[in-house]
Amino acid sequence: MGVIVVGYVPKPEGRAALRLAAEEATLRGAQLVVVNSHRGGREFDADTADSSESELDEVREQLGSAGVEYEVRQLVRGRDPAEDLIGVAAEVGADFIVIGLRRRSPVGKLILGSNAQRVLLDAPCPVLAVKAAE
């Protein structure tokens, strides 16, 4: 059985990545490993943790009702999301990683576009990038 790793955030690009990853897992008979990564720190307080866990419960329900074999990992280790995705993919021997993308301004790409670029360049396996619906 293969393994697909998907980076999930509760935003349109994260939902698009999860949807496609679940479809691929079903088609391939693969296990899906959902990674939700947070840096932690002051911004990740108890309320944020509760909200994040509630969002991940919805993901679990969605995948369970679709019959997808899955594992959900919420990581709060002070690392960049790209570092967590790459690490999990290497750990589980992923066949590929699915990430969601959103359109950014040129300045936004310069300042904030490094996670997707890092996953694309440093992943130990192929990466499938999915655009969020407009």
C-alpha atoms as a PDB file:
ATOM      1  CA  MET A   1       0.000   0.000   0.000  1.00  0.00           C
ATOM      2  CA  GLY A   2       1.295   3.436  -0.902  1.00  0.00           C
ATOM      3  CA  VAL A   3       1.297   6.565   1.209  1.00  0.00           C
ATOM      4  CA  ILE A   4       0.284  10.077   0.220  1.00  0.00           C
ATOM      5  CA  VAL A   5       1.167  13.042   2.444  1.00  0.00           C
ATOM      6  CA  VAL A   6      -0.991  16.166   2.225  1.00  0.00           C
ATOM      7  CA  GLY A   7      -0.374  19.541   3.807  1.00  0.00           C
ATOM      8  CA  TYR A   8      -3.635  20.801   5.269  1.00  0.00           C
ATOM      9  CA  VAL A   9      -4.678  24.259   6.396  1.00  0.00           C
ATOM     10  CA  PRO A  10      -8.348  25.218   6.914  1.00  0.00           C
ATOM     11  CA  LYS A  11      -8.340  27.551   3.905  1.00  0.00           C
ATOM     12  CA  PRO A  12      -9.438  27.084   0.281  1.00  0.00           C
ATOM     13  CA  GLU A  13      -5.993  25.904  -0.815  1.00  0.00           C
ATOM     14  CA  GLY A  14      -5.821  23.384   2.035  1.00  0.00           C
ATOM     15  CA  ARG A  15      -9.288  22.056   1.288  1.00  0.00           C
ATOM     16  CA  ALA A  16      -8.423  21.728  -2.428  1.00  0.00           C
ATOM     17  CA  ALA A  17      -5.257  19.782  -1.554  1.00  0.00           C
ATOM     18  CA  LEU A  18      -7.150  17.514   0.855  1.00  0.00           C
ATOM     19  CA  ARG A  19      -9.912  16.837  -1.680  1.00  0.00           C
ATOM     20  CA  LEU A  20      -7.472  15.839  -4.424  1.00  0.00           C
ATOM     21  CA  ALA A  21      -5.285  13.824  -2.045  1.00  0.00           C
ATOM     22  CA  ALA A  22      -8.335  11.872  -0.831  1.00  0.00           C
ATOM     23  CA  GLU A  23      -9.340  11.148  -4.436  1.00  0.00           C
ATOM     24  CA  GLU A  24      -5.821   9.920  -5.231  1.00  0.00           C
ATOM     25  CA  ALA A  25      -5.703   7.784  -2.078  1.00  0.00           C
ATOM     26  CA  THR A  26      -8.991   6.155  -3.070  1.00  0.00           C
ATOM     27  CA  LEU A  27      -7.852   5.534  -6.654  1.00  0.00           C
ATOM     28  CA  ARG A  28      -4.505   4.084  -5.567  1.00  0.00           C
ATOM     29  CA  GLY A  29      -5.656   2.240  -2.464  1.00  0.00           C
ATOM     30  CA  ALA A  30      -3.146   4.341  -0.541  1.00  0.00           C
ATOM     31  CA  GLN A  31      -3.052   5.608   3.019  1.00  0.00           C
ATOM     32  CA  LEU A  32      -3.381   9.363   3.441  1.00  0.00           C
ATOM     33  CA  VAL A  33      -1.277  11.191   6.031  1.00  0.00           C
ATOM     34  CA  VAL A  34      -2.731  14.645   6.710  1.00  0.00           C
ATOM     35  CA  VAL A  35      -0.196  17.095   8.153  1.00  0.00           C
ATOM     36  CA  ASN A  36      -1.368  20.278   9.879  1.00  0.00           C
ATOM     37  CA  SER A  37       1.709  22.219  10.980  1.00  0.00           C
ATOM     38  CA  HIS A  38       1.913  25.193  13.341  1.00  0.00           C
ATOM     39  CA  ARG A  39       5.000  27.015  14.515  1.00  0.00           C
ATOM     40  CA  GLY A  40       3.587  27.383  18.020  1.00  0.00           C
ATOM     41  CA  GLY A  41       4.567  30.203  20.296  1.00  0.00           C
ATOM     42  CA  ARG A  42       2.250  32.871  21.650  1.00  0.00           C
ATOM     43  CA  GLU A  43      -0.063  32.760  18.634  1.00  0.00           C
ATOM     44  CA  PHE A  44      -0.889  29.095  19.314  1.00  0.00           C
ATOM     45  CA  ASP A  45      -2.788  29.390  22.579  1.00  0.00           C
ATOM     46  CA  ALA A  46      -5.419  27.058  24.055  1.00  0.00           C
ATOM     47  CA  ASP A  47      -8.244  28.625  22.021  1.00  0.00           C
ATOM     48  CA  THR A  48      -6.282  28.232  18.793  1.00  0.00           C
ATOM     49  CA  ALA A  49      -5.454  24.639  19.699  1.00  0.00           C
ATOM     50  CA  ASP A  50      -9.136  23.872  20.370  1.00  0.00           C
ATOM     51  CA  SER A  51     -10.206  25.501  17.115  1.00  0.00           C
ATOM     52  CA  SER A  52      -7.543  23.627  15.154  1.00  0.00           C
ATOM     53  CA  GLU A  53      -8.552  20.309  16.717  1.00  0.00           C
ATOM     54  CA  SER A  54     -12.198  20.993  15.855  1.00  0.00           C
ATOM     55  CA  GLU A  55     -11.225  21.661  12.222  1.00  0.00           C
ATOM     56  CA  LEU A  56      -9.222  18.431  12.150  1.00  0.00           C
ATOM     57  CA  ASP A  57     -12.211  16.526  13.573  1.00  0.00           C
ATOM     58  CA  GLU A  58     -14.139  17.682  10.486  1.00  0.00           C
ATOM     59  CA  VAL A  59     -11.306  16.367   8.301  1.00  0.00           C
ATOM     60  CA  ARG A  60     -11.420  13.016  10.122  1.00  0.00           C
ATOM     61  CA  GLU A  61     -15.180  12.801   9.639  1.00  0.00           C
ATOM     62  CA  GLN A  62     -14.908  13.674   5.943  1.00  0.00           C
ATOM     63  CA  LEU A  63     -12.176  11.111   5.269  1.00  0.00           C
ATOM     64  CA  GLY A  64     -13.841   8.431   7.376  1.00  0.00           C
ATOM     65  CA  SER A  65     -17.159   8.796   5.569  1.00  0.00           C
ATOM     66  CA  ALA A  66     -15.309   8.619   2.230  1.00  0.00           C
ATOM     67  CA  GLY A  67     -13.713   5.322   3.290  1.00  0.00           C
ATOM     68  CA  VAL A  68     -10.163   6.649   3.031  1.00  0.00           C
ATOM     69  CA  GLU A  69      -7.523   5.064   5.257  1.00  0.00           C
ATOM     70  CA  TYR A  70      -5.898   8.033   6.963  1.00  0.00           C
ATOM     71  CA  GLU A  71      -3.791   9.398   9.779  1.00  0.00           C
ATOM     72  CA  VAL A  72      -3.950  13.020  10.940  1.00  0.00           C
ATOM     73  CA  ARG A  73      -0.888  14.666  12.452  1.00  0.00           C
ATOM     74  CA  GLN A  74      -1.104  18.063  14.087  1.00  0.00           C
ATOM     75  CA  LEU A  75       2.452  19.255  14.580  1.00  0.00           C
ATOM     76  CA  VAL A  76       3.366  22.179  16.828  1.00  0.00           C
ATOM     77  CA  ARG A  77       7.147  21.991  16.979  1.00  0.00           C
ATOM     78  CA  GLY A  78       8.392  25.437  16.032  1.00  0.00           C
ATOM     79  CA  ARG A  79       9.286  24.354  12.505  1.00  0.00           C
ATOM     80  CA  ASP A  80       8.212  25.730   9.155  1.00  0.00           C
ATOM     81  CA  PRO A  81       5.309  23.814   7.603  1.00  0.00           C
ATOM     82  CA  ALA A  82       7.616  22.891   4.705  1.00  0.00           C
ATOM     83  CA  GLU A  83      10.089  21.297   7.105  1.00  0.00           C
ATOM     84  CA  ASP A  84       7.315  19.280   8.757  1.00  0.00           C
ATOM     85  CA  LEU A  85       5.879  18.090   5.422  1.00  0.00           C
ATOM     86  CA  ILE A  86       9.287  17.073   4.091  1.00  0.00           C
ATOM     87  CA  GLY A  87      10.121  15.292   7.350  1.00  0.00           C
ATOM     88  CA  VAL A  88       6.860  13.345   7.479  1.00  0.00           C
ATOM     89  CA  ALA A  89       7.151  12.402   3.794  1.00  0.00           C
ATOM     90  CA  ALA A  90      10.651  11.026   4.402  1.00  0.00           C
ATOM     91  CA  GLU A  91       9.563   9.240   7.596  1.00  0.00           C
ATOM     92  CA  VAL A  92       6.637   7.398   5.983  1.00  0.00           C
ATOM     93  CA  GLY A  93       8.264   6.826   2.578  1.00  0.00           C
ATOM     94  CA  ALA A  94       5.580   8.842   0.793  1.00  0.00           C
ATOM     95  CA  ASP A  95       4.838   8.173  -2.849  1.00  0.00           C
ATOM     96  CA  PHE A  96       4.132  11.885  -3.233  1.00  0.00           C
ATOM     97  CA  ILE A  97       3.106  15.049  -1.378  1.00  0.00           C
ATOM     98  CA  VAL A  98       0.042  17.162  -2.187  1.00  0.00           C
ATOM     99  CA  ILE A  99       0.108  20.879  -1.366  1.00  0.00           C
ATOM    100  CA  GLY A 100      -2.375  23.649  -2.044  1.00  0.00           C
ATOM    101  CA  LEU A 101      -1.387  26.926  -3.655  1.00  0.00           C
ATOM    102  CA  ARG A 102      -2.981  30.336  -3.760  1.00  0.00           C
ATOM    103  CA  ARG A 103      -2.295  33.261  -6.033  1.00  0.00           C
ATOM    104  CA  ARG A 104      -0.015  35.893  -4.538  1.00  0.00           C
ATOM    105  CA  SER A 105       1.231  39.309  -5.528  1.00  0.00           C
ATOM    106  CA  PRO A 106       4.905  39.601  -6.563  1.00  0.00           C
ATOM    107  CA  VAL A 107       5.757  41.079  -3.150  1.00  0.00           C
ATOM    108  CA  GLY A 108       3.764  38.339  -1.403  1.00  0.00           C
ATOM    109  CA  LYS A 109       5.734  35.709  -3.306  1.00  0.00           C
ATOM    110  CA  LEU A 110       8.981  37.310  -2.247  1.00  0.00           C
ATOM    111  CA  ILE A 111       8.016  37.490   1.416  1.00  0.00           C
ATOM    112  CA  LEU A 112       5.654  34.552   1.976  1.00  0.00           C
ATOM    113  CA  GLY A 113       6.022  32.054  -0.863  1.00  0.00           C
ATOM    114  CA  SER A 114       8.896  30.085   0.569  1.00  0.00           C
ATOM    115  CA  ASN A 115       7.008  27.099   2.037  1.00  0.00           C
ATOM    116  CA  ALA A 116       5.614  25.864  -1.274  1.00  0.00           C
ATOM    117  CA  GLN A 117       8.913  26.512  -3.019  1.00  0.00           C
ATOM    118  CA  ARG A 118      10.848  24.677  -0.345  1.00  0.00           C
ATOM    119  CA  VAL A 119       8.551  21.632  -0.514  1.00  0.00           C
ATOM    120  CA  LEU A 120       8.818  21.592  -4.313  1.00  0.00           C
ATOM    121  CA  LEU A 121      12.606  21.785  -4.253  1.00  0.00           C
ATOM    122  CA  ASP A 122      13.510  19.722  -1.178  1.00  0.00           C
ATOM    123  CA  ALA A 123      10.889  16.961  -0.976  1.00  0.00           C
ATOM    124  CA  PRO A 124      12.209  13.385  -1.122  1.00  0.00           C
ATOM    125  CA  CYS A 125       9.405  12.460  -3.545  1.00  0.00           C
ATOM    126  CA  PRO A 126       7.243  14.045  -6.283  1.00  0.00           C
ATOM    127  CA  VAL A 127       4.998  16.945  -5.282  1.00  0.00           C
ATOM    128  CA  LEU A 128       1.540  17.632  -6.661  1.00  0.00           C
ATOM    129  CA  ALA A 129       0.554  21.305  -6.336  1.00  0.00           C
ATOM    130  CA  VAL A 130      -3.175  22.061  -6.433  1.00  0.00           C
ATOM    131  CA  LYS A 131      -4.734  25.477  -6.998  1.00  0.00           C
ATOM    132  CA  ALA A 132      -7.636  26.525  -4.845  1.00  0.00           C
ATOM    133  CA  ALA A 133     -10.859  27.236  -6.690  1.00  0.00           C
ATOM    134  CA  GLU A 134     -11.196  30.880  -7.671  1.00  0.00           C
END
